[in-house]
C-alpha atoms as a PDB file:
ATOM      1  CA  UNK A   1       0.000   0.000   0.000  1.00  0.00           C
ATOM      2  CA  UNK A   2       1.254   3.485  -0.840  1.00  0.00           C
ATOM      3  CA  UNK A   3       2.533   5.903   1.798  1.00  0.00           C
ATOM      4  CA  UNK A   4      -0.361   8.370   1.443  1.00  0.00           C
ATOM      5  CA  UNK A   5      -2.972   5.604   1.759  1.00  0.00           C
ATOM      6  CA  UNK A   6      -1.440   4.258   4.961  1.00  0.00           C
ATOM      7  CA  UNK A   7      -1.028   7.781   6.352  1.00  0.00           C
ATOM      8  CA  UNK A   8      -4.662   8.663   5.617  1.00  0.00           C
ATOM      9  CA  UNK A   9      -5.972   5.416   7.118  1.00  0.00           C
ATOM     10  CA  UNK A  10      -3.925   5.633  10.306  1.00  0.00           C
ATOM     11  CA  UNK A  11      -4.267   9.401  10.678  1.00  0.00           C
ATOM     12  CA  UNK A  12      -8.045   9.236  10.269  1.00  0.00           C
ATOM     13  CA  UNK A  13      -8.262   6.451  12.858  1.00  0.00           C
ATOM     14  CA  UNK A  14      -6.444   8.680  15.352  1.00  0.00           C
ATOM     15  CA  UNK A  15      -8.307  11.873  14.409  1.00  0.00           C
ATOM     16  CA  UNK A  16     -11.721  10.271  14.811  1.00  0.00           C
ATOM     17  CA  UNK A  17     -11.010   8.314  17.987  1.00  0.00           C
ATOM     18  CA  UNK A  18     -10.745   4.762  16.686  1.00  0.00           C
ATOM     19  CA  UNK A  19      -7.212   4.751  18.088  1.00  0.00           C
ATOM     20  CA  UNK A  20      -7.496   6.460  21.458  1.00  0.00           C
ATOM     21  CA  UNK A  21      -4.668   8.279  23.245  1.00  0.00           C
ATOM     22  CA  UNK A  22      -2.266   5.830  24.817  1.00  0.00           C
ATOM     23  CA  UNK A  23      -2.780   3.201  22.119  1.00  0.00           C
ATOM     24  CA  UNK A  24       0.488   1.541  21.113  1.00  0.00           C
ATOM     25  CA  UNK A  25       1.050   0.915  17.401  1.00  0.00           C
ATOM     26  CA  UNK A  26       4.063  -1.136  16.346  1.00  0.00           C
ATOM     27  CA  UNK A  27       5.765  -0.863  12.984  1.00  0.00           C
ATOM     28  CA  UNK A  28       5.279  -4.595  12.453  1.00  0.00           C
ATOM     29  CA  UNK A  29       1.542  -4.194  13.016  1.00  0.00           C
ATOM     30  CA  UNK A  30       1.394  -1.453  10.376  1.00  0.00           C
ATOM     31  CA  UNK A  31       3.227  -3.606   7.876  1.00  0.00           C
ATOM     32  CA  UNK A  32       0.869  -6.520   8.499  1.00  0.00           C
ATOM     33  CA  UNK A  33      -2.361  -4.503   8.669  1.00  0.00           C
ATOM     34  CA  UNK A  34      -1.746  -2.429   5.545  1.00  0.00           C
ATOM     35  CA  UNK A  35       0.606  -4.658   3.595  1.00  0.00           C
ATOM     36  CA  UNK A  36       3.130  -1.835   3.758  1.00  0.00           C
ATOM     37  CA  UNK A  37       6.884  -2.083   3.513  1.00  0.00           C
ATOM     38  CA  UNK A  38       9.082  -1.245   6.486  1.00  0.00           C
ATOM     39  CA  UNK A  39      10.169   1.940   4.713  1.00  0.00           C
ATOM     40  CA  UNK A  40       6.566   3.090   4.202  1.00  0.00           C
ATOM     41  CA  UNK A  41       5.661   2.273   7.804  1.00  0.00           C
ATOM     42  CA  UNK A  42       8.601   4.276   9.123  1.00  0.00           C
ATOM     43  CA  UNK A  43       7.786   7.258   6.890  1.00  0.00           C
ATOM     44  CA  UNK A  44       4.144   7.252   8.029  1.00  0.00           C
ATOM     45  CA  UNK A  45       5.248   7.191  11.676  1.00  0.00           C
ATOM     46  CA  UNK A  46       7.653  10.069  11.003  1.00  0.00           C
ATOM     47  CA  UNK A  47       4.872  12.219   9.506  1.00  0.00           C
ATOM     48  CA  UNK A  48       2.470  11.471  12.368  1.00  0.00           C
ATOM     49  CA  UNK A  49       5.178  12.463  14.832  1.00  0.00           C
ATOM     50  CA  UNK A  50       5.742  15.796  13.052  1.00  0.00           C
ATOM     51  CA  UNK A  51       1.987  16.387  13.404  1.00  0.00           C
ATOM     52  CA  UNK A  52       2.331  15.547  17.102  1.00  0.00           C
ATOM     53  CA  UNK A  53      -0.319  12.846  16.816  1.00  0.00           C
ATOM     54  CA  UNK A  54       2.103  10.177  18.034  1.00  0.00           C
ATOM     55  CA  UNK A  55       5.390   9.792  19.846  1.00  0.00           C
ATOM     56  CA  UNK A  56       7.853   6.919  19.808  1.00  0.00           C
ATOM     57  CA  UNK A  57       9.182   5.113  22.827  1.00  0.00           C
ATOM     58  CA  UNK A  58      12.067   2.702  22.576  1.00  0.00           C
ATOM     59  CA  UNK A  59      11.100  -0.936  23.150  1.00  0.00           C
ATOM     60  CA  UNK A  60       7.429   0.096  23.348  1.00  0.00           C
ATOM     61  CA  UNK A  61       6.451   1.420  19.934  1.00  0.00           C
ATOM     62  CA  UNK A  62       4.478   4.333  18.574  1.00  0.00           C
ATOM     63  CA  UNK A  63       2.062   5.838  21.105  1.00  0.00           C
ATOM     64  CA  UNK A  64      -0.999   7.918  20.237  1.00  0.00           C
ATOM     65  CA  UNK A  65      -0.707  11.265  22.035  1.00  0.00           C
ATOM     66  CA  UNK A  66      -3.374  13.151  23.948  1.00  0.00           C
ATOM     67  CA  UNK A  67      -5.596  15.303  21.750  1.00  0.00           C
ATOM     68  CA  UNK A  68      -4.454  18.495  23.477  1.00  0.00           C
ATOM     69  CA  UNK A  69      -0.927  17.837  22.160  1.00  0.00           C
ATOM     70  CA  UNK A  70      -1.893  17.508  18.484  1.00  0.00           C
ATOM     71  CA  UNK A  71      -1.056  20.162  15.902  1.00  0.00           C
ATOM     72  CA  UNK A  72      -4.652  21.189  15.307  1.00  0.00           C
ATOM     73  CA  UNK A  73      -3.632  23.633  12.571  1.00  0.00           C
ATOM     74  CA  UNK A  74      -2.328  20.879  10.292  1.00  0.00           C
ATOM     75  CA  UNK A  75      -4.569  20.795   7.182  1.00  0.00           C
ATOM     76  CA  UNK A  76      -4.336  16.997   7.001  1.00  0.00           C
ATOM     77  CA  UNK A  77      -5.677  16.599  10.520  1.00  0.00           C
ATOM     78  CA  UNK A  78      -8.525  18.985   9.746  1.00  0.00           C
ATOM     79  CA  UNK A  79      -9.351  16.992   6.607  1.00  0.00           C
ATOM     80  CA  UNK A  80      -9.404  13.708   8.516  1.00  0.00           C
ATOM     81  CA  UNK A  81     -11.666  15.171  11.184  1.00  0.00           C
ATOM     82  CA  UNK A  82     -14.070  16.638   8.636  1.00  0.00           C
ATOM     83  CA  UNK A  83     -14.188  13.315   6.783  1.00  0.00           C
ATOM     84  CA  UNK A  84     -15.175  11.292   9.846  1.00  0.00           C
ATOM     85  CA  UNK A  85     -17.227  11.096  13.006  1.00  0.00           C
ATOM     86  CA  UNK A  86     -15.415  14.083  14.542  1.00  0.00           C
ATOM     87  CA  UNK A  87     -16.927  16.418  11.919  1.00  0.00           C
ATOM     88  CA  UNK A  88     -19.536  18.260  14.069  1.00  0.00           C
ATOM     89  CA  UNK A  89     -17.027  19.043  16.836  1.00  0.00           C
ATOM     90  CA  UNK A  90     -14.332  19.981  14.318  1.00  0.00           C
ATOM     91  CA  UNK A  91     -16.672  22.338  12.467  1.00  0.00           C
ATOM     92  CA  UNK A  92     -17.667  24.038  15.708  1.00  0.00           C
ATOM     93  CA  UNK A  93     -14.029  24.513  16.723  1.00  0.00           C
ATOM     94  CA  UNK A  94     -12.996  25.771  13.303  1.00  0.00           C
ATOM     95  CA  UNK A  95     -15.876  28.226  13.127  1.00  0.00           C
ATOM     96  CA  UNK A  96     -14.850  29.610  16.517  1.00  0.00           C
ATOM     97  CA  UNK A  97     -11.329  30.094  15.158  1.00  0.00           C
ATOM     98  CA  UNK A  98     -12.626  31.854  12.057  1.00  0.00           C
ATOM     99  CA  UNK A  99     -14.857  34.094  14.185  1.00  0.00           C
ATOM    100  CA  UNK A 100     -11.838  35.159  16.231  1.00  0.00           C
ATOM    101  CA  UNK A 101      -9.415  35.727  13.356  1.00  0.00           C
ATOM    102  CA  UNK A 102     -11.096  36.669  10.075  1.00  0.00           C
ATOM    103  CA  UNK A 103     -12.947  39.808  11.232  1.00  0.00           C
ATOM    104  CA  UNK A 104      -9.645  41.136  12.628  1.00  0.00           C
ATOM    105  CA  UNK A 105      -7.889  40.201   9.386  1.00  0.00           C
ATOM    106  CA  UNK A 106     -10.521  42.153   7.433  1.00  0.00           C
ATOM    107  CA  UNK A 107      -9.951  45.195   9.666  1.00  0.00           C
ATOM    108  CA  UNK A 108      -6.194  45.137   9.070  1.00  0.00           C
ATOM    109  CA  UNK A 109      -6.613  44.443   5.352  1.00  0.00           C
ATOM    110  CA  UNK A 110      -8.697  47.612   5.065  1.00  0.00           C
ATOM    111  CA  UNK A 111      -5.728  49.545   6.453  1.00  0.00           C
ATOM    112  CA  UNK A 112      -2.806  47.645   4.958  1.00  0.00           C
ATOM    113  CA  UNK A 113      -3.849  46.116   1.615  1.00  0.00           C
ATOM    114  CA  UNK A 114      -2.105  47.339  -1.528  1.00  0.00           C
ATOM    115  CA  UNK A 115      -4.135  48.949  -4.320  1.00  0.00           C
ATOM    116  CA  UNK A 116      -3.656  45.781  -6.372  1.00  0.00           C
ATOM    117  CA  UNK A 117      -4.979  43.587  -3.545  1.00  0.00           C
ATOM    118  CA  UNK A 118      -8.019  45.838  -3.098  1.00  0.00           C
ATOM    119  CA  UNK A 119      -8.789  45.484  -6.801  1.00  0.00           C
ATOM    120  CA  UNK A 120      -8.325  41.709  -6.766  1.00  0.00           C
ATOM    121  CA  UNK A 121     -10.617  41.343  -3.747  1.00  0.00           C
ATOM    122  CA  UNK A 122     -13.341  43.318  -5.517  1.00  0.00           C
ATOM    123  CA  UNK A 123     -12.928  41.149  -8.632  1.00  0.00           C
ATOM    124  CA  UNK A 124     -13.161  37.968  -6.575  1.00  0.00           C
ATOM    125  CA  UNK A 125     -16.362  39.235  -4.971  1.00  0.00           C
ATOM    126  CA  UNK A 126     -17.852  39.727  -8.439  1.00  0.00           C
ATOM    127  CA  UNK A 127     -16.784  36.223  -9.522  1.00  0.00           C
ATOM    128  CA  UNK A 128     -18.397  34.769  -6.416  1.00  0.00           C
ATOM    129  CA  UNK A 129     -21.665  36.457  -7.378  1.00  0.00           C
ATOM    130  CA  UNK A 130     -21.526  35.102 -10.945  1.00  0.00           C
ATOM    131  CA  UNK A 131     -20.725  31.524  -9.972  1.00  0.00           C
ATOM    132  CA  UNK A 132     -23.367  31.576  -7.220  1.00  0.00           C
ATOM    133  CA  UNK A 133     -26.057  32.579  -9.712  1.00  0.00           C
ATOM    134  CA  UNK A 134     -24.868  29.793 -12.033  1.00  0.00           C
ATOM    135  CA  UNK A 135     -24.953  27.304  -9.126  1.00  0.00           C
ATOM    136  CA  UNK A 136     -21.411  26.308 -10.006  1.00  0.00           C
ATOM    137  CA  UNK A 137     -20.260  25.231  -6.556  1.00  0.00           C
ATOM    138  CA  UNK A 138     -16.885  24.004  -7.834  1.00  0.00           C
ATOM    139  CA  UNK A 139     -15.927  27.388  -9.276  1.00  0.00           C
ATOM    140  CA  UNK A 140     -17.561  29.157  -6.327  1.00  0.00           C
ATOM    141  CA  UNK A 141     -15.363  27.191  -3.916  1.00  0.00           C
ATOM    142  CA  UNK A 142     -12.242  28.113  -5.888  1.00  0.00           C
ATOM    143  CA  UNK A 143     -13.043  31.826  -5.745  1.00  0.00           C
ATOM    144  CA  UNK A 144     -14.173  31.647  -2.112  1.00  0.00           C
ATOM    145  CA  UNK A 145     -10.850  30.100  -1.069  1.00  0.00           C
ATOM    146  CA  UNK A 146      -8.980  32.747  -3.073  1.00  0.00           C
ATOM    147  CA  UNK A 147     -11.055  35.534  -1.474  1.00  0.00           C
ATOM    148  CA  UNK A 148     -10.314  34.455   2.102  1.00  0.00           C
ATOM    149  CA  UNK A 149      -6.677  33.683   1.314  1.00  0.00           C
ATOM    150  CA  UNK A 150      -6.191  37.161  -0.108  1.00  0.00           C
ATOM    151  CA  UNK A 151      -7.916  38.794   2.838  1.00  0.00           C
ATOM    152  CA  UNK A 152      -5.721  36.973   5.366  1.00  0.00           C
ATOM    153  CA  UNK A 153      -2.592  37.778   3.348  1.00  0.00           C
ATOM    154  CA  UNK A 154      -3.540  41.435   2.935  1.00  0.00           C
ATOM    155  CA  UNK A 155      -3.796  41.814   6.723  1.00  0.00           C
ATOM    156  CA  UNK A 156       0.028  41.797   6.667  1.00  0.00           C
ATOM    157  CA  UNK A 157       0.001  39.633   9.769  1.00  0.00           C
ATOM    158  CA  UNK A 158       2.047  36.541   8.853  1.00  0.00           C
ATOM    159  CA  UNK A 159       0.356  34.467  11.561  1.00  0.00           C
ATOM    160  CA  UNK A 160      -3.048  35.267  10.049  1.00  0.00           C
ATOM    161  CA  UNK A 161      -1.664  34.510   6.601  1.00  0.00           C
ATOM    162  CA  UNK A 162      -0.597  31.033   7.654  1.00  0.00           C
ATOM    163  CA  UNK A 163      -4.190  30.205   8.550  1.00  0.00           C
ATOM    164  CA  UNK A 164      -5.139  30.280   4.856  1.00  0.00           C
ATOM    165  CA  UNK A 165      -4.769  26.514   4.522  1.00  0.00           C
ATOM    166  CA  UNK A 166      -6.945  25.973   7.588  1.00  0.00           C
ATOM    167  CA  UNK A 167      -9.726  28.143   6.169  1.00  0.00           C
ATOM    168  CA  UNK A 168      -9.359  26.449   2.775  1.00  0.00           C
ATOM    169  CA  UNK A 169      -9.890  23.026   4.392  1.00  0.00           C
ATOM    170  CA  UNK A 170     -13.005  24.302   6.172  1.00  0.00           C
ATOM    171  CA  UNK A 171     -14.464  25.701   2.946  1.00  0.00           C
ATOM    172  CA  UNK A 172     -13.529  22.580   0.967  1.00  0.00           C
ATOM    173  CA  UNK A 173     -14.948  20.252   3.613  1.00  0.00           C
ATOM    174  CA  UNK A 174     -18.155  22.260   3.827  1.00  0.00           C
ATOM    175  CA  UNK A 175     -18.740  21.845   0.093  1.00  0.00           C
ATOM    176  CA  UNK A 176     -17.490  18.261  -0.122  1.00  0.00           C
ATOM    177  CA  UNK A 177     -19.782  17.065   2.663  1.00  0.00           C
ATOM    178  CA  UNK A 178     -22.924  18.757   1.376  1.00  0.00           C
ATOM    179  CA  UNK A 179     -22.940  21.513   3.988  1.00  0.00           C
ATOM    180  CA  UNK A 180     -23.547  24.186   1.388  1.00  0.00           C
ATOM    181  CA  UNK A 181     -26.967  25.040  -0.057  1.00  0.00           C
ATOM    182  CA  UNK A 182     -27.362  24.241  -3.796  1.00  0.00           C
ATOM    183  CA  UNK A 183     -27.080  27.956  -4.472  1.00  0.00           C
ATOM    184  CA  UNK A 184     -25.027  30.120  -2.091  1.00  0.00           C
ATOM    185  CA  UNK A 185     -27.260  32.486  -0.172  1.00  0.00           C
ATOM    186  CA  UNK A 186     -27.643  36.008  -1.656  1.00  0.00           C
ATOM    187  CA  UNK A 187     -26.942  37.441   1.806  1.00  0.00           C
ATOM    188  CA  UNK A 188     -23.550  35.704   1.889  1.00  0.00           C
ATOM    189  CA  UNK A 189     -22.661  37.014  -1.557  1.00  0.00           C
ATOM    190  CA  UNK A 190     -23.693  40.529  -0.590  1.00  0.00           C
ATOM    191  CA  UNK A 191     -21.556  40.342   2.549  1.00  0.00           C
ATOM    192  CA  UNK A 192     -18.474  39.271   0.561  1.00  0.00           C
ATOM    193  CA  UNK A 193     -19.050  42.236  -1.734  1.00  0.00           C
ATOM    194  CA  UNK A 194     -19.429  44.444   1.331  1.00  0.00           C
ATOM    195  CA  UNK A 195     -16.096  43.249   2.743  1.00  0.00           C
ATOM    196  CA  UNK A 196     -14.400  43.906  -0.594  1.00  0.00           C
ATOM    197  CA  UNK A 197     -15.943  47.373  -0.844  1.00  0.00           C
ATOM    198  CA  UNK A 198     -14.954  48.230   2.727  1.00  0.00           C
ATOM    199  CA  UNK A 199     -11.363  47.080   2.174  1.00  0.00           C
ATOM    200  CA  UNK A 200     -11.217  49.013  -1.100  1.00  0.00           C
ATOM    201  CA  UNK A 201     -12.424  52.144   0.723  1.00  0.00           C
ATOM    202  CA  UNK A 202     -10.072  51.620   3.660  1.00  0.00           C
ATOM    203  CA  UNK A 203     -12.987  51.426   6.121  1.00  0.00           C
ATOM    204  CA  UNK A 204     -11.722  49.131   8.882  1.00  0.00           C
ATOM    205  CA  UNK A 205     -14.830  49.057  11.111  1.00  0.00           C
ATOM    206  CA  UNK A 206     -17.090  48.308   8.171  1.00  0.00           C
ATOM    207  CA  UNK A 207     -14.797  45.531   6.896  1.00  0.00           C
ATOM    208  CA  UNK A 208     -14.589  43.892  10.322  1.00  0.00           C
ATOM    209  CA  UNK A 209     -18.349  44.061  10.815  1.00  0.00           C
ATOM    210  CA  UNK A 210     -19.130  42.533   7.413  1.00  0.00           C
ATOM    211  CA  UNK A 211     -16.610  39.702   7.877  1.00  0.00           C
ATOM    212  CA  UNK A 212     -18.038  38.929  11.300  1.00  0.00           C
ATOM    213  CA  UNK A 213     -21.467  38.662   9.701  1.00  0.00           C
ATOM    214  CA  UNK A 214     -20.037  36.214   7.132  1.00  0.00           C
ATOM    215  CA  UNK A 215     -18.590  33.825   9.700  1.00  0.00           C
ATOM    216  CA  UNK A 216     -21.713  33.999  11.875  1.00  0.00           C
ATOM    217  CA  UNK A 217     -23.918  33.224   8.874  1.00  0.00           C
ATOM    218  CA  UNK A 218     -21.638  30.326   7.870  1.00  0.00           C
ATOM    219  CA  UNK A 219     -21.782  28.963  11.411  1.00  0.00           C
ATOM    220  CA  UNK A 220     -25.575  29.079  11.534  1.00  0.00           C
ATOM    221  CA  UNK A 221     -25.905  27.633   8.032  1.00  0.00           C
ATOM    222  CA  UNK A 222     -23.632  24.685   8.810  1.00  0.00           C
ATOM    223  CA  UNK A 223     -25.345  24.032  12.154  1.00  0.00           C
ATOM    224  CA  UNK A 224     -28.733  23.876  10.443  1.00  0.00           C
ATOM    225  CA  UNK A 225     -27.509  21.515   7.719  1.00  0.00           C
ATOM    226  CA  UNK A 226     -25.718  19.245  10.220  1.00  0.00           C
ATOM    227  CA  UNK A 227     -28.930  19.112  12.259  1.00  0.00           C
ATOM    228  CA  UNK A 228     -30.982  18.228   9.181  1.00  0.00           C
ATOM    229  CA  UNK A 229     -28.521  15.485   8.233  1.00  0.00           C
ATOM    230  CA  UNK A 230     -28.728  14.078  11.754  1.00  0.00           C
ATOM    231  CA  UNK A 231     -32.530  13.968  11.705  1.00  0.00           C
ATOM    232  CA  UNK A 232     -32.500  12.351   8.251  1.00  0.00           C
ATOM    233  CA  UNK A 233     -30.297   9.557   9.589  1.00  0.00           C
ATOM    234  CA  UNK A 234     -32.610   8.779  12.538  1.00  0.00           C
END
Protein backbone atom coordinates (compact mmCIF):
# COMPACT_ATOMS: atom_id res chain seq x y z
CA UNK A 1 0.00 0.00 0.00
CA UNK A 2 1.25 3.48 -0.84
CA UNK A 3 2.53 5.90 1.80
CA UNK A 4 -0.36 8.37 1.44
CA UNK A 5 -2.97 5.60 1.76
CA UNK A 6 -1.44 4.26 4.96
CA UNK A 7 -1.03 7.78 6.35
CA UNK A 8 -4.66 8.66 5.62
CA UNK A 9 -5.97 5.42 7.12
CA UNK A 10 -3.93 5.63 10.31
CA UNK A 11 -4.27 9.40 10.68
CA UNK A 12 -8.04 9.24 10.27
CA UNK A 13 -8.26 6.45 12.86
CA UNK A 14 -6.44 8.68 15.35
CA UNK A 15 -8.31 11.87 14.41
CA UNK A 16 -11.72 10.27 14.81
CA UNK A 17 -11.01 8.31 17.99
CA UNK A 18 -10.74 4.76 16.69
CA UNK A 19 -7.21 4.75 18.09
CA UNK A 20 -7.50 6.46 21.46
CA UNK A 21 -4.67 8.28 23.25
CA UNK A 22 -2.27 5.83 24.82
CA UNK A 23 -2.78 3.20 22.12
CA UNK A 24 0.49 1.54 21.11
CA UNK A 25 1.05 0.92 17.40
CA UNK A 26 4.06 -1.14 16.35
CA UNK A 27 5.77 -0.86 12.98
CA UNK A 28 5.28 -4.60 12.45
CA UNK A 29 1.54 -4.19 13.02
CA UNK A 30 1.39 -1.45 10.38
CA UNK A 31 3.23 -3.61 7.88
CA UNK A 32 0.87 -6.52 8.50
CA UNK A 33 -2.36 -4.50 8.67
CA UNK A 34 -1.75 -2.43 5.55
CA UNK A 35 0.61 -4.66 3.60
CA UNK A 36 3.13 -1.84 3.76
CA UNK A 37 6.88 -2.08 3.51
CA UNK A 38 9.08 -1.25 6.49
CA UNK A 39 10.17 1.94 4.71
CA UNK A 40 6.57 3.09 4.20
CA UNK A 41 5.66 2.27 7.80
CA UNK A 42 8.60 4.28 9.12
CA UNK A 43 7.79 7.26 6.89
CA UNK A 44 4.14 7.25 8.03
CA UNK A 45 5.25 7.19 11.68
CA UNK A 46 7.65 10.07 11.00
CA UNK A 47 4.87 12.22 9.51
CA UNK A 48 2.47 11.47 12.37
CA UNK A 49 5.18 12.46 14.83
CA UNK A 50 5.74 15.80 13.05
CA UNK A 51 1.99 16.39 13.40
CA UNK A 52 2.33 15.55 17.10
CA UNK A 53 -0.32 12.85 16.82
CA UNK A 54 2.10 10.18 18.03
CA UNK A 55 5.39 9.79 19.85
CA UNK A 56 7.85 6.92 19.81
CA UNK A 57 9.18 5.11 22.83
CA UNK A 58 12.07 2.70 22.58
CA UNK A 59 11.10 -0.94 23.15
CA UNK A 60 7.43 0.10 23.35
CA UNK A 61 6.45 1.42 19.93
CA UNK A 62 4.48 4.33 18.57
CA UNK A 63 2.06 5.84 21.11
CA UNK A 64 -1.00 7.92 20.24
CA UNK A 65 -0.71 11.27 22.03
CA UNK A 66 -3.37 13.15 23.95
CA UNK A 67 -5.60 15.30 21.75
CA UNK A 68 -4.45 18.49 23.48
CA UNK A 69 -0.93 17.84 22.16
CA UNK A 70 -1.89 17.51 18.48
CA UNK A 71 -1.06 20.16 15.90
CA UNK A 72 -4.65 21.19 15.31
CA UNK A 73 -3.63 23.63 12.57
CA UNK A 74 -2.33 20.88 10.29
CA UNK A 75 -4.57 20.79 7.18
CA UNK A 76 -4.34 17.00 7.00
CA UNK A 77 -5.68 16.60 10.52
CA UNK A 78 -8.53 18.99 9.75
CA UNK A 79 -9.35 16.99 6.61
CA UNK A 80 -9.40 13.71 8.52
CA UNK A 81 -11.67 15.17 11.18
CA UNK A 82 -14.07 16.64 8.64
CA UNK A 83 -14.19 13.31 6.78
CA UNK A 84 -15.18 11.29 9.85
CA UNK A 85 -17.23 11.10 13.01
CA UNK A 86 -15.42 14.08 14.54
CA UNK A 87 -16.93 16.42 11.92
CA UNK A 88 -19.54 18.26 14.07
CA UNK A 89 -17.03 19.04 16.84
CA UNK A 90 -14.33 19.98 14.32
CA UNK A 91 -16.67 22.34 12.47
CA UNK A 92 -17.67 24.04 15.71
CA UNK A 93 -14.03 24.51 16.72
CA UNK A 94 -13.00 25.77 13.30
CA UNK A 95 -15.88 28.23 13.13
CA UNK A 96 -14.85 29.61 16.52
CA UNK A 97 -11.33 30.09 15.16
CA UNK A 98 -12.63 31.85 12.06
CA UNK A 99 -14.86 34.09 14.18
CA UNK A 100 -11.84 35.16 16.23
CA UNK A 101 -9.41 35.73 13.36
CA UNK A 102 -11.10 36.67 10.08
CA UNK A 103 -12.95 39.81 11.23
CA UNK A 104 -9.64 41.14 12.63
CA UNK A 105 -7.89 40.20 9.39
CA UNK A 106 -10.52 42.15 7.43
CA UNK A 107 -9.95 45.20 9.67
CA UNK A 108 -6.19 45.14 9.07
CA UNK A 109 -6.61 44.44 5.35
CA UNK A 110 -8.70 47.61 5.07
CA UNK A 111 -5.73 49.55 6.45
CA UNK A 112 -2.81 47.65 4.96
CA UNK A 113 -3.85 46.12 1.61
CA UNK A 114 -2.10 47.34 -1.53
CA UNK A 115 -4.14 48.95 -4.32
CA UNK A 116 -3.66 45.78 -6.37
CA UNK A 117 -4.98 43.59 -3.54
CA UNK A 118 -8.02 45.84 -3.10
CA UNK A 119 -8.79 45.48 -6.80
CA UNK A 120 -8.33 41.71 -6.77
CA UNK A 121 -10.62 41.34 -3.75
CA UNK A 122 -13.34 43.32 -5.52
CA UNK A 123 -12.93 41.15 -8.63
CA UNK A 124 -13.16 37.97 -6.58
CA UNK A 125 -16.36 39.24 -4.97
CA UNK A 126 -17.85 39.73 -8.44
CA UNK A 127 -16.78 36.22 -9.52
CA UNK A 128 -18.40 34.77 -6.42
CA UNK A 129 -21.66 36.46 -7.38
CA UNK A 130 -21.53 35.10 -10.95
CA UNK A 131 -20.73 31.52 -9.97
CA UNK A 132 -23.37 31.58 -7.22
CA UNK A 133 -26.06 32.58 -9.71
CA UNK A 134 -24.87 29.79 -12.03
CA UNK A 135 -24.95 27.30 -9.13
CA UNK A 136 -21.41 26.31 -10.01
CA UNK A 137 -20.26 25.23 -6.56
CA UNK A 138 -16.88 24.00 -7.83
CA UNK A 139 -15.93 27.39 -9.28
CA UNK A 140 -17.56 29.16 -6.33
CA UNK A 141 -15.36 27.19 -3.92
CA UNK A 142 -12.24 28.11 -5.89
CA UNK A 143 -13.04 31.83 -5.74
CA UNK A 144 -14.17 31.65 -2.11
CA UNK A 145 -10.85 30.10 -1.07
CA UNK A 146 -8.98 32.75 -3.07
CA UNK A 147 -11.05 35.53 -1.47
CA UNK A 148 -10.31 34.46 2.10
CA UNK A 149 -6.68 33.68 1.31
CA UNK A 150 -6.19 37.16 -0.11
CA UNK A 151 -7.92 38.79 2.84
CA UNK A 152 -5.72 36.97 5.37
CA UNK A 153 -2.59 37.78 3.35
CA UNK A 154 -3.54 41.44 2.94
CA UNK A 155 -3.80 41.81 6.72
CA UNK A 156 0.03 41.80 6.67
CA UNK A 157 0.00 39.63 9.77
CA UNK A 158 2.05 36.54 8.85
CA UNK A 159 0.36 34.47 11.56
CA UNK A 160 -3.05 35.27 10.05
CA UNK A 161 -1.66 34.51 6.60
CA UNK A 162 -0.60 31.03 7.65
CA UNK A 163 -4.19 30.20 8.55
CA UNK A 164 -5.14 30.28 4.86
CA UNK A 165 -4.77 26.51 4.52
CA UNK A 166 -6.94 25.97 7.59
CA UNK A 167 -9.73 28.14 6.17
CA UNK A 168 -9.36 26.45 2.77
CA UNK A 169 -9.89 23.03 4.39
CA UNK A 170 -13.00 24.30 6.17
CA UNK A 171 -14.46 25.70 2.95
CA UNK A 172 -13.53 22.58 0.97
CA UNK A 173 -14.95 20.25 3.61
CA UNK A 174 -18.15 22.26 3.83
CA UNK A 175 -18.74 21.85 0.09
CA UNK A 176 -17.49 18.26 -0.12
CA UNK A 177 -19.78 17.06 2.66
CA UNK A 178 -22.92 18.76 1.38
CA UNK A 179 -22.94 21.51 3.99
CA UNK A 180 -23.55 24.19 1.39
CA UNK A 181 -26.97 25.04 -0.06
CA UNK A 182 -27.36 24.24 -3.80
CA UNK A 183 -27.08 27.96 -4.47
CA UNK A 184 -25.03 30.12 -2.09
CA UNK A 185 -27.26 32.49 -0.17
CA UNK A 186 -27.64 36.01 -1.66
CA UNK A 187 -26.94 37.44 1.81
CA UNK A 188 -23.55 35.70 1.89
CA UNK A 189 -22.66 37.01 -1.56
CA UNK A 190 -23.69 40.53 -0.59
CA UNK A 191 -21.56 40.34 2.55
CA UNK A 192 -18.47 39.27 0.56
CA UNK A 193 -19.05 42.24 -1.73
CA UNK A 194 -19.43 44.44 1.33
CA UNK A 195 -16.10 43.25 2.74
CA UNK A 196 -14.40 43.91 -0.59
CA UNK A 197 -15.94 47.37 -0.84
CA UNK A 198 -14.95 48.23 2.73
CA UNK A 199 -11.36 47.08 2.17
CA UNK A 200 -11.22 49.01 -1.10
CA UNK A 201 -12.42 52.14 0.72
CA UNK A 202 -10.07 51.62 3.66
CA UNK A 203 -12.99 51.43 6.12
CA UNK A 204 -11.72 49.13 8.88
CA UNK A 205 -14.83 49.06 11.11
CA UNK A 206 -17.09 48.31 8.17
CA UNK A 207 -14.80 45.53 6.90
CA UNK A 208 -14.59 43.89 10.32
CA UNK A 209 -18.35 44.06 10.82
CA UNK A 210 -19.13 42.53 7.41
CA UNK A 211 -16.61 39.70 7.88
CA UNK A 212 -18.04 38.93 11.30
CA UNK A 213 -21.47 38.66 9.70
CA UNK A 214 -20.04 36.21 7.13
CA UNK A 215 -18.59 33.83 9.70
CA UNK A 216 -21.71 34.00 11.87
CA UNK A 217 -23.92 33.22 8.87
CA UNK A 218 -21.64 30.33 7.87
CA UNK A 219 -21.78 28.96 11.41
CA UNK A 220 -25.57 29.08 11.53
CA UNK A 221 -25.90 27.63 8.03
CA UNK A 222 -23.63 24.68 8.81
CA UNK A 223 -25.34 24.03 12.15
CA UNK A 224 -28.73 23.88 10.44
CA UNK A 225 -27.51 21.51 7.72
CA UNK A 226 -25.72 19.24 10.22
CA UNK A 227 -28.93 19.11 12.26
CA UNK A 228 -30.98 18.23 9.18
CA UNK A 229 -28.52 15.48 8.23
CA UNK A 230 -28.73 14.08 11.75
CA UNK A 231 -32.53 13.97 11.70
CA UNK A 232 -32.50 12.35 8.25
CA UNK A 233 -30.30 9.56 9.59
CA UNK A 234 -32.61 8.78 12.54
